[in-house]
């Protein structure tokens, strides 16, 4: 085991001697401190269960979450017992089901294959999720929560952000959907700029969801650990006649109240997944040793690095693609007008809310705030004749035609700025000098400037 960390000649006896010499000993609770630590862990786990962050994490994820956020040692068994007492029904629901055997699938190294796909568990309620995961290490490279995962522009933006951060992968694997067209073109263009003789199948792979195992397995993990709880909460809103997916007021209010906390919880879950120890790979122990996705991705002496850092032609192509996509901000889900309107309506109603406790029950402050806001938006539209949909943000539909239109609009804007150099915004060719006015043959113009 020690050889995986670069200490090939270090024996267990030598390791014990080094620990004794430098006072590095295994942590043990002092007499009487164990119960105090368990109580702190219990209070923290109860708080996180109520907030909804760890409601579906399970024992392993909860233990890692507690260890990462509490400044004290908590054992695995203590967390197991606490969960069994505080969340007995959840513990029973997470018992192993019938195993689903899949074919063996292995990747040679990090960035050899990126699996990409959208997560539609919450799309019916206005929240669309898109993710990119490394096929070798299972390291989640990016996971975005917004209003679009089915448009070419949005998927292209997600891909470019990941490439700029991690480099160009050898292969991208996705479903054969219309939303992947621009991403496919970008990946093949970048790979061709490096190796003009490469075949298409060596740069991009289409396939059904059942064959895209890495990202589909990650979606199952995300659903079990987080999004299924959110879905059940939204279903309760629907059954209580507090949500209609055809109502723009309900969708706008739901996004305004819940998208920030949903994004935070998803990012926390991604961070937790990336440091969670994966199980031993029985059939691939020579490729993937026991470890964490983060370590397997960044510290991979046992596997070849398969990415390419953009430089030269590929860097120029990537820069041009980023420039073409600069008009789209993947974090924006509402216009400034919608944001100010929602804030004003809640302030006028003296409505305050928090997420200190988040459960599937409807008797909560944020639910009351959402219900008030959806009705206030409808009343505002009825009394002002200003349709909320007119100031709402829509997904970037249109693909390459939208990109071309945005480039043409930017060109026209730059041309207009070049022509309008005067302070009053009047083109220079329309301005006349005092001398030209005085010399005009028209007598009606004489004496006009003399009055000044």
Protein backbone atom coordinates (compact mmCIF):
# COMPACT_ATOMS: atom_id res chain seq x y z
CA UNK A 1 0.00 0.00 0.00
CA UNK A 2 2.82 2.40 0.84
CA UNK A 3 4.34 2.03 -2.62
CA UNK A 4 1.30 3.84 -4.13
CA UNK A 5 2.41 7.00 -2.30
CA UNK A 6 6.02 6.81 -3.51
CA UNK A 7 7.56 5.03 -0.43
CA UNK A 8 8.61 1.76 -2.03
CA UNK A 9 11.27 0.86 0.58
CA UNK A 10 9.38 1.96 3.69
CA UNK A 11 8.35 -0.98 5.87
CA UNK A 12 5.59 -1.05 8.47
CA UNK A 13 8.22 -1.27 11.24
CA UNK A 14 10.01 1.80 9.93
CA UNK A 15 6.70 3.64 9.76
CA UNK A 16 6.00 2.82 13.43
CA UNK A 17 9.51 4.07 14.37
CA UNK A 18 8.91 7.36 12.52
CA UNK A 19 5.58 7.82 14.29
CA UNK A 20 7.12 7.26 17.72
CA UNK A 21 10.08 9.56 17.00
CA UNK A 22 7.92 12.51 15.89
CA UNK A 23 5.03 11.87 18.26
CA UNK A 24 2.53 10.95 15.55
CA UNK A 25 0.12 8.58 17.24
CA UNK A 26 -3.30 7.26 16.37
CA UNK A 27 -6.01 9.51 17.75
CA UNK A 28 -7.81 8.19 20.79
CA UNK A 29 -10.46 9.85 22.87
CA UNK A 30 -9.49 11.00 26.32
CA UNK A 31 -11.54 9.48 29.16
CA UNK A 32 -14.90 11.26 29.37
CA UNK A 33 -14.50 13.09 26.05
CA UNK A 34 -16.11 10.44 23.89
CA UNK A 35 -19.68 11.16 24.96
CA UNK A 36 -19.19 14.90 24.50
CA UNK A 37 -17.89 14.33 20.96
CA UNK A 38 -20.80 12.02 20.13
CA UNK A 39 -23.29 14.64 21.36
CA UNK A 40 -21.64 17.31 19.19
CA UNK A 41 -21.83 14.97 16.21
CA UNK A 42 -25.46 14.17 16.96
CA UNK A 43 -26.41 17.86 17.12
CA UNK A 44 -24.57 18.60 13.88
CA UNK A 45 -26.08 15.63 12.02
CA UNK A 46 -29.56 16.59 13.24
CA UNK A 47 -29.00 20.15 12.02
CA UNK A 48 -27.86 18.94 8.57
CA UNK A 49 -30.76 16.47 8.33
CA UNK A 50 -33.22 19.26 9.05
CA UNK A 51 -31.59 21.57 6.51
CA UNK A 52 -31.93 18.85 3.87
CA UNK A 53 -28.22 18.76 3.01
CA UNK A 54 -27.61 15.21 4.31
CA UNK A 55 -31.18 13.89 4.30
CA UNK A 56 -30.29 11.22 1.72
CA UNK A 57 -26.52 10.95 2.13
CA UNK A 58 -26.32 7.59 3.90
CA UNK A 59 -23.77 6.50 6.48
CA UNK A 60 -20.63 6.83 4.36
CA UNK A 61 -21.31 10.28 2.95
CA UNK A 62 -22.59 11.56 6.30
CA UNK A 63 -19.43 10.35 8.06
CA UNK A 64 -17.21 12.17 5.54
CA UNK A 65 -19.38 15.29 5.81
CA UNK A 66 -19.11 15.32 9.62
CA UNK A 67 -15.36 14.71 9.55
CA UNK A 68 -14.91 17.55 7.05
CA UNK A 69 -16.92 20.09 9.05
CA UNK A 70 -16.43 19.23 12.74
CA UNK A 71 -13.10 19.94 14.50
CA UNK A 72 -13.20 16.63 16.38
CA UNK A 73 -12.80 12.94 15.63
CA UNK A 74 -16.00 10.97 15.07
CA UNK A 75 -15.84 7.27 14.30
CA UNK A 76 -17.73 5.49 11.56
CA UNK A 77 -19.65 3.39 14.08
CA UNK A 78 -20.74 6.47 16.03
CA UNK A 79 -22.18 8.03 12.87
CA UNK A 80 -23.93 4.76 12.02
CA UNK A 81 -25.61 4.61 15.44
CA UNK A 82 -26.60 8.29 15.37
CA UNK A 83 -28.18 7.92 11.94
CA UNK A 84 -30.02 4.78 13.02
CA UNK A 85 -31.59 6.73 15.90
CA UNK A 86 -32.23 10.08 14.20
CA UNK A 87 -33.19 8.83 10.73
CA UNK A 88 -34.33 5.24 11.16
CA UNK A 89 -36.76 5.28 8.22
CA UNK A 90 -34.10 6.72 5.90
CA UNK A 91 -31.62 4.06 7.04
CA UNK A 92 -34.12 1.32 6.24
CA UNK A 93 -34.87 2.82 2.81
CA UNK A 94 -31.17 2.75 1.90
CA UNK A 95 -30.76 -1.00 2.43
CA UNK A 96 -29.15 -2.80 -0.55
CA UNK A 97 -31.57 -3.75 -3.27
CA UNK A 98 -31.18 -6.38 -5.93
CA UNK A 99 -27.80 -5.86 -7.57
CA UNK A 100 -27.67 -4.80 -11.19
CA UNK A 101 -24.72 -6.41 -12.94
CA UNK A 102 -23.11 -4.45 -15.75
CA UNK A 103 -20.42 -5.24 -18.25
CA UNK A 104 -16.84 -4.38 -17.37
CA UNK A 105 -15.71 -1.01 -18.67
CA UNK A 106 -12.26 0.45 -18.02
CA UNK A 107 -10.39 3.61 -18.96
CA UNK A 108 -6.60 3.88 -19.16
CA UNK A 109 -6.15 7.20 -17.38
CA UNK A 110 -7.62 10.58 -16.37
CA UNK A 111 -9.03 12.75 -19.18
CA UNK A 112 -9.09 9.77 -21.53
CA UNK A 113 -12.91 9.82 -21.63
CA UNK A 114 -15.29 12.49 -20.36
CA UNK A 115 -18.89 11.37 -19.88
CA UNK A 116 -21.45 14.17 -20.23
CA UNK A 117 -25.23 14.22 -19.84
CA UNK A 118 -28.18 16.10 -18.39
CA UNK A 119 -30.11 15.28 -15.21
CA UNK A 120 -33.85 15.81 -15.64
CA UNK A 121 -35.21 14.78 -12.23
CA UNK A 122 -36.16 18.39 -11.48
CA UNK A 123 -36.66 19.75 -15.01
CA UNK A 124 -40.45 19.62 -14.65
CA UNK A 125 -40.12 22.23 -11.90
CA UNK A 126 -37.82 24.59 -13.81
CA UNK A 127 -34.39 23.30 -12.65
CA UNK A 128 -32.16 21.60 -15.22
CA UNK A 129 -28.81 20.05 -14.29
CA UNK A 130 -25.84 19.19 -16.51
CA UNK A 131 -22.72 17.33 -15.51
CA UNK A 132 -19.29 16.23 -16.79
CA UNK A 133 -17.39 13.38 -15.12
CA UNK A 134 -13.99 11.83 -15.79
CA UNK A 135 -14.43 8.19 -16.83
CA UNK A 136 -11.24 6.93 -15.18
CA UNK A 137 -11.27 8.54 -11.74
CA UNK A 138 -15.01 9.29 -11.38
CA UNK A 139 -13.98 12.86 -10.55
CA UNK A 140 -16.89 15.23 -11.23
CA UNK A 141 -15.39 18.00 -13.36
CA UNK A 142 -18.48 20.19 -13.31
CA UNK A 143 -22.15 20.15 -12.36
CA UNK A 144 -24.37 23.11 -13.21
CA UNK A 145 -27.88 23.91 -11.99
CA UNK A 146 -29.80 26.39 -14.12
CA UNK A 147 -32.65 26.76 -16.56
CA UNK A 148 -31.09 24.99 -19.54
CA UNK A 149 -29.41 21.64 -20.16
CA UNK A 150 -31.08 20.91 -23.50
CA UNK A 151 -29.83 23.79 -25.63
CA UNK A 152 -26.69 23.71 -27.74
CA UNK A 153 -25.39 27.05 -26.46
CA UNK A 154 -25.68 26.08 -22.79
CA UNK A 155 -24.01 22.68 -23.28
CA UNK A 156 -21.26 24.29 -25.33
CA UNK A 157 -20.64 26.82 -22.53
CA UNK A 158 -20.37 24.04 -19.92
CA UNK A 159 -17.89 22.15 -22.11
CA UNK A 160 -15.70 25.20 -22.79
CA UNK A 161 -15.52 26.14 -19.10
CA UNK A 162 -14.37 22.61 -18.27
CA UNK A 163 -11.77 22.55 -21.06
CA UNK A 164 -10.37 25.92 -19.97
CA UNK A 165 -9.93 24.56 -16.44
CA UNK A 166 -8.76 20.98 -17.06
CA UNK A 167 -7.50 20.79 -20.65
CA UNK A 168 -8.69 19.02 -23.81
CA UNK A 169 -9.76 15.38 -23.25
CA UNK A 170 -9.03 12.65 -25.75
CA UNK A 171 -12.67 11.58 -26.08
CA UNK A 172 -16.05 13.00 -25.08
CA UNK A 173 -18.95 10.56 -24.76
CA UNK A 174 -22.60 11.65 -24.81
CA UNK A 175 -26.08 10.76 -25.93
CA UNK A 176 -26.93 11.51 -29.54
CA UNK A 177 -29.10 14.50 -28.77
CA UNK A 178 -29.54 17.75 -30.67
CA UNK A 179 -28.12 19.67 -27.69
CA UNK A 180 -24.64 18.16 -28.19
CA UNK A 181 -24.06 19.44 -31.75
CA UNK A 182 -21.96 22.50 -30.86
CA UNK A 183 -20.02 20.61 -28.18
CA UNK A 184 -19.23 17.84 -30.66
CA UNK A 185 -18.03 20.40 -33.22
CA UNK A 186 -15.85 22.11 -30.60
CA UNK A 187 -14.29 18.85 -29.36
CA UNK A 188 -13.50 17.59 -32.87
CA UNK A 189 -12.11 20.99 -33.94
CA UNK A 190 -9.77 21.09 -30.93
CA UNK A 191 -8.63 17.50 -31.45
CA UNK A 192 -8.12 18.02 -35.21
CA UNK A 193 -6.00 21.10 -34.50
CA UNK A 194 -3.64 18.83 -32.56
CA UNK A 195 -3.79 15.75 -34.82
CA UNK A 196 -5.26 16.45 -38.30
CA UNK A 197 -5.31 12.72 -39.13
CA UNK A 198 -7.37 11.62 -36.15
CA UNK A 199 -10.66 9.83 -36.87
CA UNK A 200 -13.96 11.14 -35.55
CA UNK A 201 -14.48 8.12 -33.27
CA UNK A 202 -11.17 8.90 -31.53
CA UNK A 203 -12.39 12.38 -30.58
CA UNK A 204 -16.11 11.95 -29.91
CA UNK A 205 -18.36 8.98 -29.17
CA UNK A 206 -22.15 8.90 -29.40
CA UNK A 207 -24.12 6.21 -27.63
CA UNK A 208 -27.30 5.43 -25.70
CA UNK A 209 -27.66 6.32 -22.04
CA UNK A 210 -27.36 2.66 -21.03
CA UNK A 211 -23.81 2.63 -22.42
CA UNK A 212 -22.78 5.94 -20.84
CA UNK A 213 -22.21 4.26 -17.50
CA UNK A 214 -20.09 6.80 -15.64
CA UNK A 215 -22.43 9.78 -15.82
CA UNK A 216 -25.56 7.65 -15.45
CA UNK A 217 -24.16 6.04 -12.30
CA UNK A 218 -23.33 9.51 -10.99
CA UNK A 219 -26.91 10.65 -11.61
CA UNK A 220 -28.14 7.68 -9.57
CA UNK A 221 -25.78 8.72 -6.78
CA UNK A 222 -26.96 12.33 -6.94
CA UNK A 223 -30.62 11.29 -6.98
CA UNK A 224 -30.23 8.92 -4.03
CA UNK A 225 -28.21 11.43 -2.06
CA UNK A 226 -29.97 14.71 -2.86
CA UNK A 227 -32.31 15.42 -5.77
CA UNK A 228 -34.90 12.74 -5.00
CA UNK A 229 -35.63 14.54 -1.72
CA UNK A 230 -36.12 17.81 -3.62
CA UNK A 231 -38.38 16.05 -6.12
CA UNK A 232 -40.60 14.68 -3.36
CA UNK A 233 -40.84 18.18 -1.87
CA UNK A 234 -41.89 19.69 -5.22
CA UNK A 235 -44.41 16.88 -5.72
CA UNK A 236 -46.01 17.86 -2.41
CA UNK A 237 -46.30 21.45 -3.66
CA UNK A 238 -47.97 20.16 -6.81
CA UNK A 239 -50.44 17.99 -4.89
CA UNK A 240 -51.29 20.91 -2.60
CA UNK A 241 -52.21 23.00 -5.70
CA UNK A 242 -49.28 25.30 -5.02
CA UNK A 243 -47.45 24.66 -8.27
CA UNK A 244 -48.47 24.57 -11.92
CA UNK A 245 -45.68 24.00 -14.44
CA UNK A 246 -47.68 25.92 -17.05
CA UNK A 247 -47.79 29.03 -14.84
CA UNK A 248 -44.88 31.41 -15.39
CA UNK A 249 -45.57 32.95 -11.96
CA UNK A 250 -45.07 29.61 -10.20
CA UNK A 251 -41.87 28.81 -12.10
CA UNK A 252 -40.37 32.27 -11.52
CA UNK A 253 -41.24 32.20 -7.81
CA UNK A 254 -39.90 28.66 -7.37
CA UNK A 255 -36.59 29.54 -9.01
CA UNK A 256 -36.22 32.77 -7.05
CA UNK A 257 -36.76 31.07 -3.69
CA UNK A 258 -34.98 27.75 -4.18
CA UNK A 259 -32.33 27.83 -6.91
CA UNK A 260 -29.55 29.31 -4.74
CA UNK A 261 -29.96 26.76 -1.95
CA UNK A 262 -30.28 23.95 -4.53
CA UNK A 263 -27.06 25.05 -6.23
CA UNK A 264 -25.28 25.19 -2.90
CA UNK A 265 -26.40 21.71 -1.89
CA UNK A 266 -25.50 20.20 -5.27
CA UNK A 267 -22.02 21.76 -5.14
CA UNK A 268 -21.56 20.46 -1.59
CA UNK A 269 -22.54 17.00 -2.76
CA UNK A 270 -20.08 17.20 -5.68
CA UNK A 271 -17.26 18.24 -3.33
CA UNK A 272 -18.16 15.37 -0.99
CA UNK A 273 -18.24 12.84 -3.84
CA UNK A 274 -14.82 13.92 -5.07
CA UNK A 275 -13.19 13.15 -1.70
CA UNK A 276 -15.19 10.00 -0.95
CA UNK A 277 -13.18 6.77 -1.02
CA UNK A 278 -14.43 4.52 -3.82
CA UNK A 279 -14.68 0.78 -3.35
CA UNK A 280 -11.88 -1.54 -4.39
CA UNK A 281 -11.93 -2.34 -8.10
CA UNK A 282 -11.95 -6.14 -8.16
CA UNK A 283 -11.35 -6.47 -11.88
CA UNK A 284 -9.20 -3.34 -12.33
CA UNK A 285 -6.97 -3.23 -9.26
CA UNK A 286 -3.92 -2.88 -11.53
CA UNK A 287 -5.43 0.29 -13.07
CA UNK A 288 -7.46 1.94 -10.31
CA UNK A 289 -6.24 1.39 -6.76
CA UNK A 290 -8.41 2.09 -3.75
CA UNK A 291 -8.63 5.85 -3.39
CA UNK A 292 -10.61 9.04 -3.76
CA UNK A 293 -11.70 10.46 -7.14
CA UNK A 294 -9.78 13.68 -6.40
CA UNK A 295 -6.56 11.78 -5.71
CA UNK A 296 -7.05 9.47 -8.68
CA UNK A 297 -7.53 12.45 -10.98
CA UNK A 298 -4.70 14.70 -9.84
CA UNK A 299 -2.18 12.13 -8.49
CA UNK A 300 -2.00 9.42 -11.13
CA UNK A 301 1.56 8.08 -11.22
CA UNK A 302 0.08 4.65 -11.90
CA UNK A 303 -1.85 5.80 -15.00
CA UNK A 304 -0.97 7.89 -18.09
CA UNK A 305 -2.16 11.49 -18.39
CA UNK A 306 -4.43 11.76 -21.43
CA UNK A 307 -5.30 15.46 -21.65
CA UNK A 308 -3.79 18.10 -23.93
CA UNK A 309 -3.07 21.64 -22.73
CA UNK A 310 -4.28 24.13 -25.40
CA UNK A 311 -1.41 25.92 -27.09
CA UNK A 312 -0.74 27.38 -30.51
CA UNK A 313 -3.57 26.65 -32.95
CA UNK A 314 -5.75 24.86 -30.39
CA UNK A 315 -5.42 27.78 -27.95
CA UNK A 316 -6.46 30.23 -30.68
CA UNK A 317 -9.48 28.09 -31.58
CA UNK A 318 -10.48 27.79 -27.94
CA UNK A 319 -10.16 31.55 -27.43
CA UNK A 320 -12.39 32.19 -30.45
CA UNK A 321 -15.00 29.76 -29.15
CA UNK A 322 -14.98 31.47 -25.75
CA UNK A 323 -15.40 34.85 -27.42
CA UNK A 324 -18.35 33.56 -29.46
CA UNK A 325 -20.03 32.29 -26.27
CA UNK A 326 -19.30 35.36 -24.14
CA UNK A 327 -22.87 36.63 -24.57
CA UNK A 328 -24.30 33.72 -22.55
CA UNK A 329 -23.98 33.60 -18.75
CA UNK A 330 -24.86 30.13 -17.45
CA UNK A 331 -25.41 31.45 -13.91
CA UNK A 332 -28.19 33.87 -14.89
CA UNK A 333 -31.66 32.42 -14.38
CA UNK A 334 -33.65 35.64 -14.00
CA UNK A 335 -33.48 39.17 -15.34
CA UNK A 336 -32.66 42.12 -13.13
CA UNK A 337 -36.25 43.25 -13.54
CA UNK A 338 -37.59 39.94 -12.21
CA UNK A 339 -35.13 39.98 -9.32
CA UNK A 340 -36.03 43.50 -8.20
CA UNK A 341 -39.74 42.78 -8.64
CA UNK A 342 -39.57 39.67 -6.43
CA UNK A 343 -37.54 41.46 -3.75
CA UNK A 344 -39.97 44.40 -3.77
CA UNK A 345 -43.06 42.20 -3.54
CA UNK A 346 -41.65 40.21 -0.61
CA UNK A 347 -40.63 43.42 1.17
CA UNK A 348 -44.09 44.94 0.68
CA UNK A 349 -45.63 41.82 2.19
CA UNK A 350 -43.15 41.81 5.11
CA UNK A 351 -42.22 38.24 4.16
CA UNK A 352 -39.00 36.76 5.55
CA UNK A 353 -37.76 33.19 5.16
CA UNK A 354 -34.75 30.99 5.89
CA UNK A 355 -33.48 27.46 5.25
CA UNK A 356 -32.26 26.62 8.73
CA UNK A 357 -34.69 23.72 8.61
CA UNK A 358 -35.60 22.11 5.33
CA UNK A 359 -37.89 19.07 5.20
CA UNK A 360 -40.56 17.79 2.85
CA UNK A 361 -43.28 19.39 5.00
CA UNK A 362 -45.11 22.45 3.71
CA UNK A 363 -45.42 24.34 7.01
CA UNK A 364 -42.13 26.22 6.62
CA UNK A 365 -41.18 29.86 6.18
CA UNK A 366 -39.73 29.43 2.69
CA UNK A 367 -42.91 27.65 1.50
CA UNK A 368 -45.02 30.52 2.77
CA UNK A 369 -42.70 32.98 1.02
CA UNK A 370 -42.97 31.04 -2.24
CA UNK A 371 -46.76 30.82 -2.05
CA UNK A 372 -47.04 34.55 -1.36
CA UNK A 373 -44.66 35.44 -4.19
CA UNK A 374 -46.42 33.32 -6.83
CA UNK A 375 -49.76 34.96 -6.04
CA UNK A 376 -48.19 38.43 -5.82
CA UNK A 377 -46.65 38.02 -9.28
CA UNK A 378 -50.05 37.08 -10.70
CA UNK A 379 -51.69 40.08 -9.02
CA UNK A 380 -48.93 42.39 -10.27
CA UNK A 381 -49.42 41.24 -13.86
CA UNK A 382 -53.21 41.61 -13.58
CA UNK A 383 -53.13 45.18 -12.25
CA UNK A 384 -50.24 46.58 -14.32
CA UNK A 385 -50.84 44.83 -17.66
CA UNK A 386 -47.10 44.10 -17.74
CA UNK A 387 -46.63 40.38 -18.57
CA UNK A 388 -44.03 38.78 -16.31
CA UNK A 389 -42.98 36.59 -19.23
CA UNK A 390 -41.84 39.69 -21.15
CA UNK A 391 -39.10 40.37 -18.59
CA UNK A 392 -38.28 36.72 -17.91
CA UNK A 393 -35.02 35.02 -18.97
CA UNK A 394 -35.45 32.27 -21.56
CA UNK A 395 -33.03 29.43 -22.44
CA UNK A 396 -30.62 30.28 -25.31
CA UNK A 397 -32.43 28.50 -28.15
CA UNK A 398 -31.20 28.58 -31.73
CA UNK A 399 -27.80 26.89 -31.62
CA UNK A 400 -25.32 28.14 -34.20
CA UNK A 401 -27.89 30.58 -35.61
CA UNK A 402 -28.11 32.29 -32.22
CA UNK A 403 -24.31 32.50 -32.05
CA UNK A 404 -24.15 34.05 -35.54
CA UNK A 405 -26.93 36.50 -34.68
CA UNK A 406 -25.15 37.55 -31.48
CA UNK A 407 -21.89 38.07 -33.39
CA UNK A 408 -23.68 40.20 -35.99
CA UNK A 409 -25.41 42.23 -33.26
CA UNK A 410 -22.05 42.82 -31.55
CA UNK A 411 -20.50 43.87 -34.89
CA UNK A 412 -23.31 46.36 -35.48
CA UNK A 413 -22.93 47.69 -31.94
CA UNK A 414 -19.22 48.24 -32.43
CA UNK A 415 -19.88 49.93 -35.78
CA UNK A 416 -22.47 52.23 -34.19
CA UNK A 417 -20.02 53.14 -31.43
CA UNK A 418 -17.38 53.93 -34.04
CA UNK A 419 -19.69 56.25 -35.96
CA UNK A 420 -21.23 58.02 -32.96
CA UNK A 421 -18.25 59.78 -31.43
CA UNK A 422 -19.93 63.04 -30.37
CA UNK A 423 -21.15 63.62 -26.85
CA UNK A 424 -24.73 63.94 -28.04
CA UNK A 425 -24.57 60.74 -30.05
CA UNK A 426 -24.85 62.65 -33.38
CA UNK A 427 -22.78 61.29 -36.29
CA UNK A 428 -19.94 63.65 -37.23
CA UNK A 429 -21.03 63.93 -40.86
CA UNK A 430 -24.28 65.54 -39.67
CA UNK A 431 -22.50 68.25 -37.67
CA UNK A 432 -21.87 71.68 -39.32
CA UNK A 433 -19.46 74.39 -38.27
CA UNK A 434 -20.24 78.02 -37.42
CA UNK A 435 -18.49 79.12 -40.62
CA UNK A 436 -20.75 76.89 -42.75
CA UNK A 437 -23.87 78.35 -41.15
CA UNK A 438 -22.73 81.95 -41.67
CA UNK A 439 -21.90 81.39 -45.33
CA UNK A 440 -25.21 79.69 -46.09
CA UNK A 441 -27.07 81.42 -48.95
CA UNK A 442 -30.37 80.98 -47.12
CA UNK A 443 -31.21 84.29 -45.42
CA UNK A 444 -33.35 82.54 -42.81
CA UNK A 445 -30.23 81.17 -41.21
CA UNK A 446 -28.48 84.50 -40.83
CA UNK A 447 -28.01 85.89 -37.35
CA UNK A 448 -28.87 82.61 -35.54
CA UNK A 449 -25.42 82.18 -33.98
CA UNK A 450 -25.16 85.90 -33.23
CA UNK A 451 -27.81 85.54 -30.52
CA UNK A 452 -25.41 83.38 -28.53
